[in-house]
């Protein structure tokens, strides 16, 4: 596995598990959901990565069910001004990680 891939995966996991060193965006439907705390906990503890849902091994996407809803979460890598894609997602000095948590029908 390439060093950059490992670094991206480690940064993604650390930020997702702690919600630190990133921005977390909740869609209004997620924010207002009765099971918001369970959704956030499931995102932080997500470990169901497979080659089907994590083909680049960067731990940048996940999905799970809560009640009758399917939740998606995903990473976007932006520059520090939040204007463009990051020039290097493996470098936290030039990358703002944005974790979006949404329902499948909002994707």
Protein backbone atom coordinates (compact mmCIF):
# COMPACT_ATOMS: atom_id res chain seq x y z
CA UNK A 1 0.00 0.00 0.00
CA UNK A 2 1.28 3.45 -0.87
CA UNK A 3 2.43 5.73 1.95
CA UNK A 4 0.00 8.51 0.91
CA UNK A 5 -2.94 6.10 1.03
CA UNK A 6 -1.98 4.97 4.52
CA UNK A 7 -1.59 8.60 5.64
CA UNK A 8 -4.98 9.61 4.18
CA UNK A 9 -6.67 6.60 5.81
CA UNK A 10 -5.08 7.36 9.18
CA UNK A 11 -6.06 11.05 9.01
CA UNK A 12 -9.61 10.12 7.97
CA UNK A 13 -9.99 7.57 10.76
CA UNK A 14 -8.61 9.88 13.45
CA UNK A 15 -10.85 12.78 12.38
CA UNK A 16 -13.95 10.61 11.98
CA UNK A 17 -13.51 8.87 15.32
CA UNK A 18 -13.01 12.12 17.24
CA UNK A 19 -14.72 14.74 15.02
CA UNK A 20 -11.56 16.79 15.61
CA UNK A 21 -9.25 18.33 13.00
CA UNK A 22 -12.14 18.44 10.52
CA UNK A 23 -15.46 20.05 9.83
CA UNK A 24 -18.58 17.95 10.29
CA UNK A 25 -21.55 18.81 8.11
CA UNK A 26 -24.93 17.31 9.04
CA UNK A 27 -27.78 17.69 6.60
CA UNK A 28 -30.91 19.21 8.17
CA UNK A 29 -32.71 15.84 8.06
CA UNK A 30 -29.86 14.16 9.95
CA UNK A 31 -29.54 17.05 12.42
CA UNK A 32 -33.27 16.84 13.22
CA UNK A 33 -33.49 13.03 13.36
CA UNK A 34 -34.65 11.47 16.62
CA UNK A 35 -31.63 9.12 16.55
CA UNK A 36 -28.97 11.79 15.94
CA UNK A 37 -26.78 10.58 18.81
CA UNK A 38 -26.90 7.01 17.50
CA UNK A 39 -26.04 8.20 13.98
CA UNK A 40 -23.01 10.13 15.23
CA UNK A 41 -21.87 7.19 17.34
CA UNK A 42 -22.23 4.82 14.38
CA UNK A 43 -20.13 7.12 12.20
CA UNK A 44 -17.41 7.36 14.83
CA UNK A 45 -17.29 3.60 15.35
CA UNK A 46 -17.78 2.55 11.73
CA UNK A 47 -15.51 -0.35 10.77
CA UNK A 48 -17.32 -2.16 7.94
CA UNK A 49 -14.77 -1.30 5.27
CA UNK A 50 -14.50 -3.76 2.38
CA UNK A 51 -13.00 -3.70 -1.08
CA UNK A 52 -16.55 -3.06 -2.37
CA UNK A 53 -17.11 0.13 -0.37
CA UNK A 54 -13.49 1.22 0.15
CA UNK A 55 -11.67 0.35 -3.05
CA UNK A 56 -8.84 2.85 -2.42
CA UNK A 57 -8.48 1.82 1.25
CA UNK A 58 -8.76 5.45 2.40
CA UNK A 59 -11.76 4.93 4.72
CA UNK A 60 -13.50 7.85 3.00
CA UNK A 61 -17.09 6.55 2.82
CA UNK A 62 -19.50 4.44 4.84
CA UNK A 63 -23.15 3.55 5.10
CA UNK A 64 -25.37 1.92 7.69
CA UNK A 65 -29.02 1.69 8.71
CA UNK A 66 -30.64 3.50 11.63
CA UNK A 67 -34.26 2.61 12.18
CA UNK A 68 -35.72 2.59 8.65
CA UNK A 69 -33.18 5.06 7.24
CA UNK A 70 -29.87 4.47 5.47
CA UNK A 71 -27.13 6.88 6.45
CA UNK A 72 -24.18 7.79 4.23
CA UNK A 73 -21.07 9.56 5.42
CA UNK A 74 -18.23 10.71 3.21
CA UNK A 75 -15.07 12.79 3.22
CA UNK A 76 -14.26 15.73 0.98
CA UNK A 77 -10.77 17.23 0.91
CA UNK A 78 -10.70 21.00 0.41
CA UNK A 79 -7.96 23.59 0.48
CA UNK A 80 -7.66 25.62 3.69
CA UNK A 81 -9.79 28.44 2.21
CA UNK A 82 -12.58 25.95 1.45
CA UNK A 83 -12.58 27.08 -2.19
CA UNK A 84 -11.00 24.20 -4.14
CA UNK A 85 -9.99 20.60 -3.79
CA UNK A 86 -6.96 20.06 -1.61
CA UNK A 87 -3.69 19.82 -3.50
CA UNK A 88 -2.66 16.92 -1.23
CA UNK A 89 -5.19 15.15 1.04
CA UNK A 90 -2.29 13.40 2.80
CA UNK A 91 -1.00 16.75 4.06
CA UNK A 92 -3.11 18.23 6.88
CA UNK A 93 -1.31 21.57 6.49
CA UNK A 94 -2.98 22.16 3.11
CA UNK A 95 -6.20 20.19 3.63
CA UNK A 96 -9.47 20.86 5.39
CA UNK A 97 -11.33 17.60 5.86
CA UNK A 98 -15.11 17.93 5.59
CA UNK A 99 -17.18 15.01 6.83
CA UNK A 100 -20.72 15.05 5.46
CA UNK A 101 -23.36 12.89 7.13
CA UNK A 102 -26.59 12.48 5.18
CA UNK A 103 -29.40 10.09 4.36
CA UNK A 104 -29.12 8.01 1.21
CA UNK A 105 -31.96 9.92 -0.47
CA UNK A 106 -30.05 13.19 0.03
CA UNK A 107 -26.99 11.97 -1.90
